[in-house]
Amino acid sequence: MDIEAQQRKRRDNIISSLNLAIDALNLAGGIVNIVPAKAVFGPASVLLTMIRVGFPPAYVDQLWAKTRLGFED
């Protein structure tokens, strides 16, 4: 498998994970009855959506490589 295909697959996995987390937060926000907890789910979902939309693919690849290899800034 070439590098571009691996990066595309990794990107797709990251986006899929973010979508799953966003859906889980939205579902939890609709189910929970505790007001302070309910107030957290909305902004957390918005933040994950901003991350999903805002990061350029190259940055996601670099971030994945750093966390995978244990490097820090």
PDB file of N, CA and C in Angstrom:
ATOM      1  N   MET A   1       0.853  -1.170   0.000  1.00  0.00           N
ATOM      2  CA  MET A   1       0.000   0.000   0.000  1.00  0.00           C
ATOM      3  C   MET A   1       0.897   1.230   0.000  1.00  0.00           C
ATOM      4  N   ASP A   2       0.618   2.167  -0.870  1.00  0.00           N
ATOM      5  CA  ASP A   2       1.469   3.349  -0.942  1.00  0.00           C
ATOM      6  C   ASP A   2       1.145   4.329   0.190  1.00  0.00           C
ATOM      7  N   ILE A   3       2.027   5.293   0.361  1.00  0.00           N
ATOM      8  CA  ILE A   3       1.937   6.248   1.469  1.00  0.00           C
ATOM      9  C   ILE A   3       0.647   7.057   1.392  1.00  0.00           C
ATOM     10  N   GLU A   4       0.276   7.522   0.211  1.00  0.00           N
ATOM     11  CA  GLU A   4      -0.932   8.338   0.074  1.00  0.00           C
ATOM     12  C   GLU A   4      -2.181   7.548   0.462  1.00  0.00           C
ATOM     13  N   ALA A   5      -2.234   6.300   0.099  1.00  0.00           N
ATOM     14  CA  ALA A   5      -3.384   5.462   0.460  1.00  0.00           C
ATOM     15  C   ALA A   5      -3.446   5.252   1.970  1.00  0.00           C
ATOM     16  N   GLN A   6      -2.290   5.072   2.597  1.00  0.00           N
ATOM     17  CA  GLN A   6      -2.246   4.915   4.051  1.00  0.00           C
ATOM     18  C   GLN A   6      -2.706   6.191   4.750  1.00  0.00           C
ATOM     19  N   GLN A   7      -2.231   7.336   4.261  1.00  0.00           N
ATOM     20  CA  GLN A   7      -2.625   8.609   4.851  1.00  0.00           C
ATOM     21  C   GLN A   7      -4.119   8.851   4.669  1.00  0.00           C
ATOM     22  N   ARG A   8      -4.648   8.535   3.512  1.00  0.00           N
ATOM     23  CA  ARG A   8      -6.073   8.711   3.249  1.00  0.00           C
ATOM     24  C   ARG A   8      -6.898   7.817   4.181  1.00  0.00           C
ATOM     25  N   LYS A   9      -6.452   6.580   4.361  1.00  0.00           N
ATOM     26  CA  LYS A   9      -7.150   5.650   5.251  1.00  0.00           C
ATOM     27  C   LYS A   9      -7.093   6.147   6.691  1.00  0.00           C
ATOM     28  N   ARG A  10      -5.941   6.644   7.116  1.00  0.00           N
ATOM     29  CA  ARG A  10      -5.779   7.175   8.467  1.00  0.00           C
ATOM     30  C   ARG A  10      -6.697   8.377   8.679  1.00  0.00           C
ATOM     31  N   ARG A  11      -6.729   9.263   7.687  1.00  0.00           N
ATOM     32  CA  ARG A  11      -7.602  10.441   7.748  1.00  0.00           C
ATOM     33  C   ARG A  11      -9.067  10.028   7.850  1.00  0.00           C
ATOM     34  N   ASP A  12      -9.457   9.056   7.048  1.00  0.00           N
ATOM     35  CA  ASP A  12     -10.834   8.562   7.079  1.00  0.00           C
ATOM     36  C   ASP A  12     -11.167   7.972   8.443  1.00  0.00           C
ATOM     37  N   ASN A  13     -10.218   7.261   9.039  1.00  0.00           N
ATOM     38  CA  ASN A  13     -10.431   6.688  10.373  1.00  0.00           C
ATOM     39  C   ASN A  13     -10.589   7.774  11.431  1.00  0.00           C
ATOM     40  N   ILE A  14      -9.782   8.817  11.328  1.00  0.00           N
ATOM     41  CA  ILE A  14      -9.868   9.926  12.282  1.00  0.00           C
ATOM     42  C   ILE A  14     -11.208  10.632  12.153  1.00  0.00           C
ATOM     43  N   ILE A  15     -11.617  10.916  10.929  1.00  0.00           N
ATOM     44  CA  ILE A  15     -12.894  11.595  10.707  1.00  0.00           C
ATOM     45  C   ILE A  15     -14.049  10.719  11.171  1.00  0.00           C
ATOM     46  N   SER A  16     -13.958   9.433  10.917  1.00  0.00           N
ATOM     47  CA  SER A  16     -14.991   8.507  11.374  1.00  0.00           C
ATOM     48  C   SER A  16     -15.076   8.493  12.898  1.00  0.00           C
ATOM     49  N   SER A  17     -13.946   8.499  13.567  1.00  0.00           N
ATOM     50  CA  SER A  17     -13.920   8.525  15.034  1.00  0.00           C
ATOM     51  C   SER A  17     -14.510   9.818  15.574  1.00  0.00           C
ATOM     52  N   LEU A  18     -14.185  10.932  14.939  1.00  0.00           N
ATOM     53  CA  LEU A  18     -14.755  12.208  15.360  1.00  0.00           C
ATOM     54  C   LEU A  18     -16.269  12.219  15.159  1.00  0.00           C
ATOM     55  N   ASN A  19     -16.728  11.701  14.030  1.00  0.00           N
ATOM     56  CA  ASN A  19     -18.171  11.633  13.776  1.00  0.00           C
ATOM     57  C   ASN A  19     -18.870  10.791  14.840  1.00  0.00           C
ATOM     58  N   LEU A  20     -18.274   9.676  15.203  1.00  0.00           N
ATOM     59  CA  LEU A  20     -18.846   8.802  16.226  1.00  0.00           C
ATOM     60  C   LEU A  20     -18.903   9.522  17.577  1.00  0.00           C
ATOM     61  N   ALA A  21     -17.839  10.216  17.940  1.00  0.00           N
ATOM     62  CA  ALA A  21     -17.811  10.946  19.204  1.00  0.00           C
ATOM     63  C   ALA A  21     -18.847  12.073  19.223  1.00  0.00           C
ATOM     64  N   ILE A  22     -18.990  12.776  18.113  1.00  0.00           N
ATOM     65  CA  ILE A  22     -19.980  13.854  18.014  1.00  0.00           C
ATOM     66  C   ILE A  22     -21.386  13.287  18.163  1.00  0.00           C
ATOM     67  N   ASP A  23     -21.668  12.189  17.478  1.00  0.00           N
ATOM     68  CA  ASP A  23     -22.987  11.557  17.586  1.00  0.00           C
ATOM     69  C   ASP A  23     -23.260  11.088  19.019  1.00  0.00           C
ATOM     70  N   ALA A  24     -22.250  10.529  19.672  1.00  0.00           N
ATOM     71  CA  ALA A  24     -22.419  10.063  21.053  1.00  0.00           C
ATOM     72  C   ALA A  24     -22.701  11.232  21.996  1.00  0.00           C
ATOM     73  N   LEU A  25     -22.002  12.336  21.804  1.00  0.00           N
ATOM     74  CA  LEU A  25     -22.249  13.517  22.638  1.00  0.00           C
ATOM     75  C   LEU A  25     -23.648  14.073  22.410  1.00  0.00           C
ATOM     76  N   ASN A  26     -24.072  14.120  21.156  1.00  0.00           N
ATOM     77  CA  ASN A  26     -25.419  14.614  20.860  1.00  0.00           C
ATOM     78  C   ASN A  26     -26.478  13.710  21.476  1.00  0.00           C
ATOM     79  N   LEU A  27     -26.278  12.419  21.386  1.00  0.00           N
ATOM     80  CA  LEU A  27     -27.214  11.466  21.977  1.00  0.00           C
ATOM     81  C   LEU A  27     -27.238  11.606  23.499  1.00  0.00           C
ATOM     82  N   ALA A  28     -26.069  11.674  24.105  1.00  0.00           N
ATOM     83  CA  ALA A  28     -25.986  11.814  25.562  1.00  0.00           C
ATOM     84  C   ALA A  28     -26.616  13.127  26.023  1.00  0.00           C
ATOM     85  N   GLY A  29     -26.422  14.195  25.257  1.00  0.00           N
ATOM     86  CA  GLY A  29     -27.022  15.482  25.607  1.00  0.00           C
ATOM     87  C   GLY A  29     -28.536  15.437  25.586  1.00  0.00           C
ATOM     88  N   GLY A  30     -29.096  14.617  24.725  1.00  0.00           N
ATOM     89  CA  GLY A  30     -30.544  14.483  24.657  1.00  0.00           C
ATOM     90  C   GLY A  30     -31.112  13.571  25.727  1.00  0.00           C
ATOM     91  N   ILE A  31     -30.300  12.685  26.263  1.00  0.00           N
ATOM     92  CA  ILE A  31     -30.782  11.708  27.240  1.00  0.00           C
ATOM     93  C   ILE A  31     -30.614  12.188  28.678  1.00  0.00           C
ATOM     94  N   VAL A  32     -29.509  12.827  28.969  1.00  0.00           N
ATOM     95  CA  VAL A  32     -29.175  13.173  30.352  1.00  0.00           C
ATOM     96  C   VAL A  32     -30.145  14.226  30.907  1.00  0.00           C
ATOM     97  N   ASN A  33     -30.450  14.121  32.183  1.00  0.00           N
ATOM     98  CA  ASN A  33     -31.350  15.059  32.840  1.00  0.00           C
ATOM     99  C   ASN A  33     -30.631  15.988  33.812  1.00  0.00           C
ATOM    100  N   ILE A  34     -29.329  15.831  33.953  1.00  0.00           N
ATOM    101  CA  ILE A  34     -28.561  16.666  34.881  1.00  0.00           C
ATOM    102  C   ILE A  34     -28.155  17.934  34.127  1.00  0.00           C
ATOM    103  N   VAL A  35     -28.643  19.077  34.612  1.00  0.00           N
ATOM    104  CA  VAL A  35     -28.459  20.341  33.887  1.00  0.00           C
ATOM    105  C   VAL A  35     -26.983  20.692  33.668  1.00  0.00           C
ATOM    106  N   PRO A  36     -26.100  20.632  34.682  1.00  0.00           N
ATOM    107  CA  PRO A  36     -24.696  20.983  34.414  1.00  0.00           C
ATOM    108  C   PRO A  36     -24.040  20.057  33.385  1.00  0.00           C
ATOM    109  N   ALA A  37     -24.384  18.785  33.434  1.00  0.00           N
ATOM    110  CA  ALA A  37     -23.811  17.853  32.456  1.00  0.00           C
ATOM    111  C   ALA A  37     -24.360  18.151  31.062  1.00  0.00           C
ATOM    112  N   LYS A  38     -25.647  18.459  30.990  1.00  0.00           N
ATOM    113  CA  LYS A  38     -26.277  18.763  29.711  1.00  0.00           C
ATOM    114  C   LYS A  38     -25.624  19.997  29.073  1.00  0.00           C
ATOM    115  N   ALA A  39     -25.217  20.951  29.918  1.00  0.00           N
ATOM    116  CA  ALA A  39     -24.590  22.173  29.417  1.00  0.00           C
ATOM    117  C   ALA A  39     -23.212  21.917  28.807  1.00  0.00           C
ATOM    118  N   VAL A  40     -22.595  20.801  29.140  1.00  0.00           N
ATOM    119  CA  VAL A  40     -21.253  20.478  28.635  1.00  0.00           C
ATOM    120  C   VAL A  40     -21.312  19.782  27.279  1.00  0.00           C
ATOM    121  N   PHE A  41     -22.331  18.962  27.053  1.00  0.00           N
ATOM    122  CA  PHE A  41     -22.382  18.161  25.839  1.00  0.00           C
ATOM    123  C   PHE A  41     -22.453  19.005  24.565  1.00  0.00           C
ATOM    124  N   GLY A  42     -23.211  20.085  24.579  1.00  0.00           N
ATOM    125  CA  GLY A  42     -23.346  20.936  23.393  1.00  0.00           C
ATOM    126  C   GLY A  42     -22.013  21.550  22.965  1.00  0.00           C
ATOM    127  N   PRO A  43     -21.345  22.282  23.873  1.00  0.00           N
ATOM    128  CA  PRO A  43     -20.055  22.871  23.502  1.00  0.00           C
ATOM    129  C   PRO A  43     -18.993  21.833  23.129  1.00  0.00           C
ATOM    130  N   ALA A  44     -19.007  20.685  23.789  1.00  0.00           N
ATOM    131  CA  ALA A  44     -18.037  19.642  23.452  1.00  0.00           C
ATOM    132  C   ALA A  44     -18.285  19.126  22.035  1.00  0.00           C
ATOM    133  N   SER A  45     -19.544  18.975  21.683  1.00  0.00           N
ATOM    134  CA  SER A  45     -19.895  18.538  20.331  1.00  0.00           C
ATOM    135  C   SER A  45     -19.465  19.576  19.297  1.00  0.00           C
ATOM    136  N   VAL A  46     -19.695  20.847  19.609  1.00  0.00           N
ATOM    137  CA  VAL A  46     -19.280  21.926  18.701  1.00  0.00           C
ATOM    138  C   VAL A  46     -17.765  21.938  18.540  1.00  0.00           C
ATOM    139  N   LEU A  47     -17.051  21.756  19.636  1.00  0.00           N
ATOM    140  CA  LEU A  47     -15.579  21.734  19.584  1.00  0.00           C
ATOM    141  C   LEU A  47     -15.077  20.593  18.702  1.00  0.00           C
ATOM    142  N   LEU A  48     -15.640  19.404  18.870  1.00  0.00           N
ATOM    143  CA  LEU A  48     -15.223  18.279  18.028  1.00  0.00           C
ATOM    144  C   LEU A  48     -15.568  18.524  16.556  1.00  0.00           C
ATOM    145  N   THR A  49     -16.697  19.164  16.305  1.00  0.00           N
ATOM    146  CA  THR A  49     -17.064  19.496  14.930  1.00  0.00           C
ATOM    147  C   THR A  49     -16.067  20.481  14.335  1.00  0.00           C
ATOM    148  N   MET A  50     -15.654  21.466  15.122  1.00  0.00           N
ATOM    149  CA  MET A  50     -14.662  22.427  14.642  1.00  0.00           C
ATOM    150  C   MET A  50     -13.336  21.734  14.353  1.00  0.00           C
ATOM    151  N   ILE A  51     -12.963  20.786  15.193  1.00  0.00           N
ATOM    152  CA  ILE A  51     -11.728  20.037  14.957  1.00  0.00           C
ATOM    153  C   ILE A  51     -11.848  19.239  13.669  1.00  0.00           C
ATOM    154  N   ARG A  52     -12.993  18.580  13.485  1.00  0.00           N
ATOM    155  CA  ARG A  52     -13.202  17.752  12.290  1.00  0.00           C
ATOM    156  C   ARG A  52     -13.127  18.596  11.021  1.00  0.00           C
ATOM    157  N   VAL A  53     -13.697  19.777  11.049  1.00  0.00           N
ATOM    158  CA  VAL A  53     -13.759  20.615   9.854  1.00  0.00           C
ATOM    159  C   VAL A  53     -12.498  21.449   9.676  1.00  0.00           C
ATOM    160  N   GLY A  54     -11.886  21.872  10.788  1.00  0.00           N
ATOM    161  CA  GLY A  54     -10.841  22.873  10.711  1.00  0.00           C
ATOM    162  C   GLY A  54      -9.432  22.402  10.436  1.00  0.00           C
ATOM    163  N   PHE A  55      -9.104  21.183  10.785  1.00  0.00           N
ATOM    164  CA  PHE A  55      -7.733  20.736  10.614  1.00  0.00           C
ATOM    165  C   PHE A  55      -7.467  20.323   9.183  1.00  0.00           C
ATOM    166  N   PRO A  56      -6.441  20.891   8.570  1.00  0.00           N
ATOM    167  CA  PRO A  56      -6.072  20.429   7.231  1.00  0.00           C
ATOM    168  C   PRO A  56      -5.528  18.998   7.300  1.00  0.00           C
ATOM    169  N   PRO A  57      -5.699  18.224   6.258  1.00  0.00           N
ATOM    170  CA  PRO A  57      -5.259  16.822   6.278  1.00  0.00           C
ATOM    171  C   PRO A  57      -3.792  16.638   6.635  1.00  0.00           C
ATOM    172  N   ALA A  58      -2.929  17.529   6.168  1.00  0.00           N
ATOM    173  CA  ALA A  58      -1.505  17.387   6.466  1.00  0.00           C
ATOM    174  C   ALA A  58      -1.258  17.525   7.972  1.00  0.00           C
ATOM    175  N   TYR A  59      -1.981  18.424   8.622  1.00  0.00           N
ATOM    176  CA  TYR A  59      -1.812  18.605  10.059  1.00  0.00           C
ATOM    177  C   TYR A  59      -2.284  17.362  10.813  1.00  0.00           C
ATOM    178  N   VAL A  60      -3.386  16.785  10.379  1.00  0.00           N
ATOM    179  CA  VAL A  60      -3.883  15.570  11.016  1.00  0.00           C
ATOM    180  C   VAL A  60      -2.845  14.460  10.906  1.00  0.00           C
ATOM    181  N   ASP A  61      -2.211  14.340   9.743  1.00  0.00           N
ATOM    182  CA  ASP A  61      -1.174  13.323   9.558  1.00  0.00           C
ATOM    183  C   ASP A  61       0.010  13.570  10.488  1.00  0.00           C
ATOM    184  N   GLN A  62       0.429  14.831  10.623  1.00  0.00           N
ATOM    185  CA  GLN A  62       1.544  15.156  11.513  1.00  0.00           C
ATOM    186  C   GLN A  62       1.169  14.887  12.962  1.00  0.00           C
ATOM    187  N   LEU A  63      -0.051  15.270  13.351  1.00  0.00           N
ATOM    188  CA  LEU A  63      -0.507  15.049  14.711  1.00  0.00           C
ATOM    189  C   LEU A  63      -0.556  13.561  15.022  1.00  0.00           C
ATOM    190  N   TRP A  64      -1.063  12.773  14.098  1.00  0.00           N
ATOM    191  CA  TRP A  64      -1.126  11.330  14.292  1.00  0.00           C
ATOM    192  C   TRP A  64       0.273  10.749  14.444  1.00  0.00           C
ATOM    193  N   ALA A  65       1.200  11.189  13.601  1.00  0.00           N
ATOM    194  CA  ALA A  65       2.568  10.673  13.658  1.00  0.00           C
ATOM    195  C   ALA A  65       3.221  11.027  14.996  1.00  0.00           C
ATOM    196  N   LYS A  66       3.009  12.244  15.474  1.00  0.00           N
ATOM    197  CA  LYS A  66       3.605  12.659  16.744  1.00  0.00           C
ATOM    198  C   LYS A  66       3.054  11.845  17.903  1.00  0.00           C
ATOM    199  N   THR A  67       1.740  11.667  17.936  1.00  0.00           N
ATOM    200  CA  THR A  67       1.162  10.921  19.046  1.00  0.00           C
ATOM    201  C   THR A  67       1.505   9.445  18.939  1.00  0.00           C
ATOM    202  N   ARG A  68       1.581   8.944  17.730  1.00  0.00           N
ATOM    203  CA  ARG A  68       1.900   7.527  17.515  1.00  0.00           C
ATOM    204  C   ARG A  68       3.341   7.222  17.927  1.00  0.00           C
ATOM    205  N   LEU A  69       4.240   8.163  17.641  1.00  0.00           N
ATOM    206  CA  LEU A  69       5.640   7.944  17.930  1.00  0.00           C
ATOM    207  C   LEU A  69       6.069   8.491  19.299  1.00  0.00           C
ATOM    208  N   GLY A  70       5.148   9.204  19.972  1.00  0.00           N
ATOM    209  CA  GLY A  70       5.451   9.712  21.301  1.00  0.00           C
ATOM    210  C   GLY A  70       6.235  11.006  21.313  1.00  0.00           C
ATOM    211  N   PHE A  71       6.244  11.748  20.214  1.00  0.00           N
ATOM    212  CA  PHE A  71       6.951  13.025  20.168  1.00  0.00           C
ATOM    213  C   PHE A  71       6.073  14.116  20.755  1.00  0.00           C
ATOM    214  N   GLU A  72       6.700  15.126  21.322  1.00  0.00           N
ATOM    215  CA  GLU A  72       5.993  16.285  21.838  1.00  0.00           C
ATOM    216  C   GLU A  72       6.566  17.512  21.170  1.00  0.00           C
ATOM    217  N   ASP A  73       5.742  18.590  21.157  1.00  0.00           N
ATOM    218  CA  ASP A  73       6.233  19.858  20.578  1.00  0.00           C
ATOM    219  C   ASP A  73       7.287  20.487  21.427  1.00  0.00           C
TER     220      ASP A  73
END
